[in-house]
Amino acid sequence: MKKTLITTALLALLGGGAPLAFAQADHDAHHGGASAPADANAKLAEGTVKKIDKSAGKLTIAHGPLESLGMPAMTMVFRAAEPGMLDQVKAGDKIRFAVEKVGGALTVTSLEPAQ
């Protein structure tokens, strides 16, 4: 009981536990986090696979706007973050995907079949 009171008092002095929340967020970021944010799917763009170049590790996607990058709809070539991604799709597949700039190149970091 005494330990609980001391812990509660310390948390109150430290701002109601906010530093602990920041420490947890920093810890999760460092380790990749245990779960994706609730709005992770909101960041996925939609597109159609036009071409796959396994030897180059790239795929061509006709996509809608990429809001995270401020890009309008167009068809373009992206690098695949993992070679195995290219085995998950074929030309003509409708997909939902995430793109990030990795090492200066636009890279598909995740993809899934469109529903």
N, C-alpha and C. Protein backbone atom coordinates (compact mmCIF):
# COMPACT_ATOMS: atom_id res chain seq x y z
N MET A 1 0.82 -1.19 0.00
CA MET A 1 0.00 0.00 0.00
C MET A 1 0.87 1.25 0.00
N LYS A 2 1.90 1.24 0.85
CA LYS A 2 2.79 2.38 0.96
C LYS A 2 3.51 2.61 -0.38
N LYS A 3 3.92 1.51 -1.00
CA LYS A 3 4.63 1.58 -2.28
C LYS A 3 3.72 2.18 -3.37
N THR A 4 2.43 1.81 -3.35
CA THR A 4 1.46 2.34 -4.31
C THR A 4 1.29 3.83 -4.14
N LEU A 5 1.21 4.29 -2.90
CA LEU A 5 1.06 5.73 -2.63
C LEU A 5 2.28 6.50 -3.11
N ILE A 6 3.45 5.96 -2.86
CA ILE A 6 4.67 6.64 -3.30
C ILE A 6 4.73 6.69 -4.82
N THR A 7 4.39 5.59 -5.48
CA THR A 7 4.38 5.55 -6.94
C THR A 7 3.38 6.54 -7.50
N THR A 8 2.19 6.60 -6.92
CA THR A 8 1.15 7.53 -7.37
C THR A 8 1.62 8.97 -7.19
N ALA A 9 2.24 9.26 -6.05
CA ALA A 9 2.74 10.61 -5.79
C ALA A 9 3.83 10.99 -6.79
N LEU A 10 4.72 10.07 -7.08
CA LEU A 10 5.78 10.34 -8.05
C LEU A 10 5.20 10.59 -9.45
N LEU A 11 4.22 9.80 -9.83
CA LEU A 11 3.58 9.99 -11.14
C LEU A 11 2.91 11.35 -11.22
N ALA A 12 2.26 11.76 -10.13
CA ALA A 12 1.61 13.07 -10.11
C ALA A 12 2.64 14.17 -10.26
N LEU A 13 3.79 14.04 -9.59
CA LEU A 13 4.85 15.03 -9.71
C LEU A 13 5.47 15.07 -11.10
N LEU A 14 5.47 13.95 -11.76
CA LEU A 14 6.06 13.86 -13.10
C LEU A 14 5.07 14.20 -14.21
N GLY A 15 3.91 14.68 -13.89
CA GLY A 15 2.97 15.10 -14.91
C GLY A 15 1.93 14.05 -15.25
N GLY A 16 1.52 13.28 -14.29
CA GLY A 16 0.44 12.33 -14.51
C GLY A 16 0.81 11.15 -15.39
N GLY A 17 2.08 10.83 -15.49
CA GLY A 17 2.46 9.65 -16.26
C GLY A 17 2.81 9.96 -17.70
N ALA A 18 2.72 11.22 -18.12
CA ALA A 18 3.03 11.56 -19.51
C ALA A 18 4.45 11.15 -19.89
N PRO A 19 5.45 11.38 -19.02
CA PRO A 19 6.80 10.93 -19.39
C PRO A 19 6.86 9.43 -19.62
N LEU A 20 6.07 8.67 -18.86
CA LEU A 20 6.07 7.23 -19.07
C LEU A 20 5.49 6.89 -20.43
N ALA A 21 4.45 7.63 -20.84
CA ALA A 21 3.86 7.40 -22.16
C ALA A 21 4.88 7.71 -23.25
N PHE A 22 5.63 8.81 -23.07
CA PHE A 22 6.64 9.15 -24.07
C PHE A 22 7.75 8.10 -24.09
N ALA A 23 8.12 7.62 -22.91
CA ALA A 23 9.15 6.58 -22.85
C ALA A 23 8.67 5.32 -23.54
N GLN A 24 7.40 4.95 -23.35
CA GLN A 24 6.86 3.76 -24.01
C GLN A 24 6.83 3.95 -25.51
N ALA A 25 6.40 5.14 -25.97
CA ALA A 25 6.35 5.41 -27.41
C ALA A 25 7.75 5.34 -28.02
N ASP A 26 8.73 5.89 -27.28
CA ASP A 26 10.11 5.85 -27.76
C ASP A 26 10.60 4.40 -27.80
N HIS A 27 10.26 3.64 -26.79
CA HIS A 27 10.64 2.23 -26.75
C HIS A 27 10.02 1.46 -27.92
N ASP A 28 8.72 1.69 -28.17
CA ASP A 28 8.05 1.01 -29.27
C ASP A 28 8.67 1.39 -30.61
N ALA A 29 8.98 2.67 -30.78
CA ALA A 29 9.59 3.13 -32.03
C ALA A 29 10.94 2.46 -32.23
N HIS A 30 11.69 2.33 -31.16
CA HIS A 30 13.01 1.72 -31.24
C HIS A 30 12.92 0.24 -31.63
N HIS A 31 11.90 -0.43 -31.15
CA HIS A 31 11.73 -1.86 -31.42
C HIS A 31 10.72 -2.16 -32.51
N GLY A 32 10.21 -1.13 -33.17
CA GLY A 32 9.28 -1.36 -34.25
C GLY A 32 7.83 -1.44 -33.80
N GLY A 33 7.58 -1.37 -32.51
CA GLY A 33 6.21 -1.40 -32.00
C GLY A 33 5.60 -2.78 -32.11
N ALA A 34 4.67 -3.06 -31.26
CA ALA A 34 4.04 -4.37 -31.26
C ALA A 34 2.85 -4.43 -32.19
N SER A 35 2.23 -3.27 -32.45
CA SER A 35 1.06 -3.26 -33.31
C SER A 35 1.04 -2.00 -34.16
N ALA A 36 0.34 -2.08 -35.27
CA ALA A 36 0.24 -0.93 -36.16
C ALA A 36 -0.80 0.03 -35.62
N PRO A 37 -0.66 1.34 -35.93
CA PRO A 37 -1.66 2.29 -35.51
C PRO A 37 -3.01 1.95 -36.13
N ALA A 38 -4.07 2.40 -35.49
CA ALA A 38 -5.43 2.08 -35.94
C ALA A 38 -5.70 2.59 -37.35
N ASP A 39 -5.02 3.69 -37.74
CA ASP A 39 -5.28 4.25 -39.06
C ASP A 39 -4.26 3.80 -40.10
N ALA A 40 -3.56 2.68 -39.86
CA ALA A 40 -2.55 2.20 -40.81
C ALA A 40 -3.15 1.96 -42.19
N ASN A 41 -4.36 1.39 -42.26
CA ASN A 41 -4.99 1.13 -43.55
C ASN A 41 -5.37 2.40 -44.27
N ALA A 42 -5.59 3.50 -43.53
CA ALA A 42 -5.96 4.76 -44.15
C ALA A 42 -4.81 5.29 -45.00
N LYS A 43 -3.57 4.89 -44.73
CA LYS A 43 -2.42 5.38 -45.46
C LYS A 43 -2.11 4.55 -46.70
N LEU A 44 -2.83 3.48 -46.92
CA LEU A 44 -2.58 2.63 -48.08
C LEU A 44 -3.23 3.23 -49.32
N ALA A 45 -2.46 3.27 -50.40
CA ALA A 45 -2.99 3.74 -51.68
C ALA A 45 -3.52 2.54 -52.45
N GLU A 46 -4.34 2.81 -53.43
CA GLU A 46 -4.87 1.74 -54.28
C GLU A 46 -4.26 1.84 -55.66
N GLY A 47 -4.08 0.68 -56.28
CA GLY A 47 -3.50 0.68 -57.61
C GLY A 47 -3.67 -0.66 -58.29
N THR A 48 -3.17 -0.71 -59.53
CA THR A 48 -3.19 -1.93 -60.32
C THR A 48 -1.77 -2.22 -60.78
N VAL A 49 -1.32 -3.44 -60.54
CA VAL A 49 0.02 -3.84 -60.97
C VAL A 49 0.02 -3.94 -62.49
N LYS A 50 0.93 -3.23 -63.14
CA LYS A 50 1.04 -3.26 -64.59
C LYS A 50 2.17 -4.16 -65.07
N LYS A 51 3.27 -4.19 -64.30
CA LYS A 51 4.44 -4.96 -64.73
C LYS A 51 5.28 -5.30 -63.50
N ILE A 52 5.93 -6.46 -63.54
CA ILE A 52 6.83 -6.89 -62.48
C ILE A 52 8.18 -7.21 -63.11
N ASP A 53 9.23 -6.63 -62.56
CA ASP A 53 10.59 -6.89 -63.01
C ASP A 53 11.36 -7.47 -61.84
N LYS A 54 11.32 -8.81 -61.70
CA LYS A 54 11.94 -9.48 -60.56
C LYS A 54 13.45 -9.27 -60.54
N SER A 55 14.09 -9.27 -61.70
CA SER A 55 15.56 -9.14 -61.72
C SER A 55 16.00 -7.77 -61.21
N ALA A 56 15.18 -6.74 -61.40
CA ALA A 56 15.52 -5.40 -60.93
C ALA A 56 14.89 -5.12 -59.56
N GLY A 57 13.99 -6.01 -59.10
CA GLY A 57 13.33 -5.79 -57.83
C GLY A 57 12.33 -4.65 -57.86
N LYS A 58 11.67 -4.48 -59.01
CA LYS A 58 10.75 -3.35 -59.18
C LYS A 58 9.41 -3.79 -59.72
N LEU A 59 8.40 -2.95 -59.46
CA LEU A 59 7.09 -3.18 -60.05
C LEU A 59 6.50 -1.86 -60.51
N THR A 60 5.75 -1.93 -61.60
CA THR A 60 5.09 -0.77 -62.16
C THR A 60 3.63 -0.82 -61.69
N ILE A 61 3.18 0.31 -61.12
CA ILE A 61 1.82 0.38 -60.58
C ILE A 61 1.11 1.61 -61.12
N ALA A 62 -0.10 1.40 -61.65
CA ALA A 62 -1.00 2.51 -61.98
C ALA A 62 -1.77 2.77 -60.69
N HIS A 63 -1.56 3.93 -60.08
CA HIS A 63 -2.10 4.18 -58.75
C HIS A 63 -2.92 5.46 -58.66
N GLY A 64 -3.72 5.49 -57.62
CA GLY A 64 -4.44 6.70 -57.27
C GLY A 64 -3.50 7.66 -56.57
N PRO A 65 -4.02 8.76 -56.03
CA PRO A 65 -3.16 9.72 -55.34
C PRO A 65 -2.40 9.07 -54.18
N LEU A 66 -1.13 9.45 -54.05
CA LEU A 66 -0.32 9.00 -52.91
C LEU A 66 -0.27 10.18 -51.94
N GLU A 67 -1.27 10.23 -51.07
CA GLU A 67 -1.43 11.37 -50.17
C GLU A 67 -0.22 11.57 -49.27
N SER A 68 0.40 10.49 -48.82
CA SER A 68 1.55 10.60 -47.92
C SER A 68 2.74 11.28 -48.59
N LEU A 69 2.78 11.25 -49.92
CA LEU A 69 3.87 11.87 -50.67
C LEU A 69 3.41 13.10 -51.46
N GLY A 70 2.12 13.41 -51.38
CA GLY A 70 1.59 14.56 -52.12
C GLY A 70 1.65 14.37 -53.62
N MET A 71 1.48 13.14 -54.10
CA MET A 71 1.56 12.85 -55.53
C MET A 71 0.18 12.56 -56.10
N PRO A 72 -0.08 13.05 -57.32
CA PRO A 72 -1.36 12.75 -57.97
C PRO A 72 -1.35 11.32 -58.53
N ALA A 73 -2.50 10.90 -59.02
CA ALA A 73 -2.62 9.58 -59.65
C ALA A 73 -1.75 9.53 -60.90
N MET A 74 -1.09 8.39 -61.11
CA MET A 74 -0.25 8.19 -62.30
C MET A 74 0.22 6.75 -62.34
N THR A 75 0.97 6.39 -63.35
CA THR A 75 1.60 5.08 -63.44
C THR A 75 3.10 5.29 -63.29
N MET A 76 3.71 4.53 -62.38
CA MET A 76 5.15 4.69 -62.17
C MET A 76 5.77 3.40 -61.64
N VAL A 77 7.09 3.38 -61.67
CA VAL A 77 7.87 2.23 -61.23
C VAL A 77 8.32 2.46 -59.80
N PHE A 78 8.19 1.43 -58.97
CA PHE A 78 8.61 1.49 -57.58
C PHE A 78 9.57 0.35 -57.29
N ARG A 79 10.46 0.56 -56.37
CA ARG A 79 11.32 -0.51 -55.85
C ARG A 79 10.50 -1.29 -54.84
N ALA A 80 10.71 -2.59 -54.75
CA ALA A 80 10.08 -3.43 -53.72
C ALA A 80 11.02 -3.51 -52.53
N ALA A 81 10.50 -3.29 -51.34
CA ALA A 81 11.32 -3.33 -50.13
C ALA A 81 11.90 -4.73 -49.91
N GLU A 82 11.12 -5.75 -50.25
CA GLU A 82 11.54 -7.14 -50.09
C GLU A 82 11.30 -7.88 -51.40
N PRO A 83 12.26 -8.67 -51.87
CA PRO A 83 12.06 -9.40 -53.13
C PRO A 83 10.83 -10.30 -53.12
N GLY A 84 10.47 -10.86 -51.97
CA GLY A 84 9.32 -11.74 -51.87
C GLY A 84 8.00 -11.06 -52.19
N MET A 85 7.97 -9.74 -52.09
CA MET A 85 6.74 -9.00 -52.42
C MET A 85 6.34 -9.23 -53.88
N LEU A 86 7.35 -9.36 -54.72
CA LEU A 86 7.09 -9.51 -56.15
C LEU A 86 6.43 -10.85 -56.48
N ASP A 87 6.59 -11.83 -55.58
CA ASP A 87 5.96 -13.13 -55.78
C ASP A 87 4.50 -13.14 -55.33
N GLN A 88 4.08 -12.10 -54.63
CA GLN A 88 2.72 -12.03 -54.10
C GLN A 88 1.71 -11.50 -55.10
N VAL A 89 2.21 -10.90 -56.19
CA VAL A 89 1.31 -10.24 -57.15
C VAL A 89 1.67 -10.63 -58.57
N LYS A 90 0.73 -10.35 -59.48
CA LYS A 90 0.98 -10.53 -60.91
C LYS A 90 0.36 -9.35 -61.64
N ALA A 91 0.77 -9.14 -62.87
CA ALA A 91 0.22 -8.04 -63.67
C ALA A 91 -1.29 -8.16 -63.73
N GLY A 92 -1.96 -7.05 -63.50
CA GLY A 92 -3.42 -7.01 -63.52
C GLY A 92 -4.04 -7.05 -62.14
N ASP A 93 -3.27 -7.45 -61.11
CA ASP A 93 -3.81 -7.50 -59.75
C ASP A 93 -4.11 -6.10 -59.23
N LYS A 94 -5.24 -5.96 -58.57
CA LYS A 94 -5.59 -4.72 -57.87
C LYS A 94 -5.05 -4.86 -56.45
N ILE A 95 -4.32 -3.84 -56.01
CA ILE A 95 -3.66 -3.90 -54.70
C ILE A 95 -3.90 -2.63 -53.90
N ARG A 96 -3.60 -2.76 -52.60
CA ARG A 96 -3.48 -1.61 -51.69
C ARG A 96 -2.03 -1.68 -51.21
N PHE A 97 -1.37 -0.52 -51.19
CA PHE A 97 0.05 -0.54 -50.87
C PHE A 97 0.50 0.74 -50.18
N ALA A 98 1.63 0.64 -49.50
CA ALA A 98 2.26 1.78 -48.84
C ALA A 98 3.59 2.05 -49.51
N VAL A 99 3.91 3.33 -49.66
CA VAL A 99 5.16 3.74 -50.29
C VAL A 99 5.90 4.69 -49.36
N GLU A 100 7.20 4.49 -49.27
CA GLU A 100 8.06 5.40 -48.51
C GLU A 100 9.29 5.69 -49.35
N LYS A 101 9.92 6.82 -49.08
CA LYS A 101 11.18 7.13 -49.73
C LYS A 101 12.28 6.47 -48.92
N VAL A 102 12.97 5.49 -49.51
CA VAL A 102 14.04 4.75 -48.84
C VAL A 102 15.31 4.92 -49.66
N GLY A 103 16.31 5.52 -49.06
CA GLY A 103 17.57 5.74 -49.77
C GLY A 103 17.39 6.55 -51.04
N GLY A 104 16.43 7.47 -51.03
CA GLY A 104 16.19 8.33 -52.19
C GLY A 104 15.28 7.73 -53.24
N ALA A 105 14.88 6.47 -53.07
CA ALA A 105 14.01 5.81 -54.06
C ALA A 105 12.63 5.53 -53.48
N LEU A 106 11.60 5.73 -54.28
CA LEU A 106 10.24 5.40 -53.84
C LEU A 106 10.13 3.88 -53.78
N THR A 107 9.77 3.40 -52.59
CA THR A 107 9.80 1.97 -52.31
C THR A 107 8.47 1.50 -51.74
N VAL A 108 7.94 0.42 -52.30
CA VAL A 108 6.73 -0.20 -51.77
C VAL A 108 7.17 -0.96 -50.52
N THR A 109 6.63 -0.53 -49.37
CA THR A 109 7.02 -1.15 -48.10
C THR A 109 6.02 -2.19 -47.63
N SER A 110 4.79 -2.15 -48.15
CA SER A 110 3.82 -3.18 -47.85
C SER A 110 2.77 -3.19 -48.96
N LEU A 111 2.20 -4.36 -49.18
CA LEU A 111 1.12 -4.47 -50.17
C LEU A 111 0.20 -5.60 -49.79
N GLU A 112 -1.04 -5.47 -50.24
CA GLU A 112 -2.05 -6.49 -49.99
C GLU A 112 -3.06 -6.46 -51.13
N PRO A 113 -3.77 -7.54 -51.34
CA PRO A 113 -4.80 -7.54 -52.38
C PRO A 113 -5.89 -6.53 -52.02
N ALA A 114 -6.40 -5.82 -53.02
CA ALA A 114 -7.51 -4.89 -52.78
C ALA A 114 -8.77 -5.70 -52.55
N GLN A 115 -9.61 -5.23 -51.69
CA GLN A 115 -10.88 -5.91 -51.38
C GLN A 115 -11.96 -5.46 -52.34
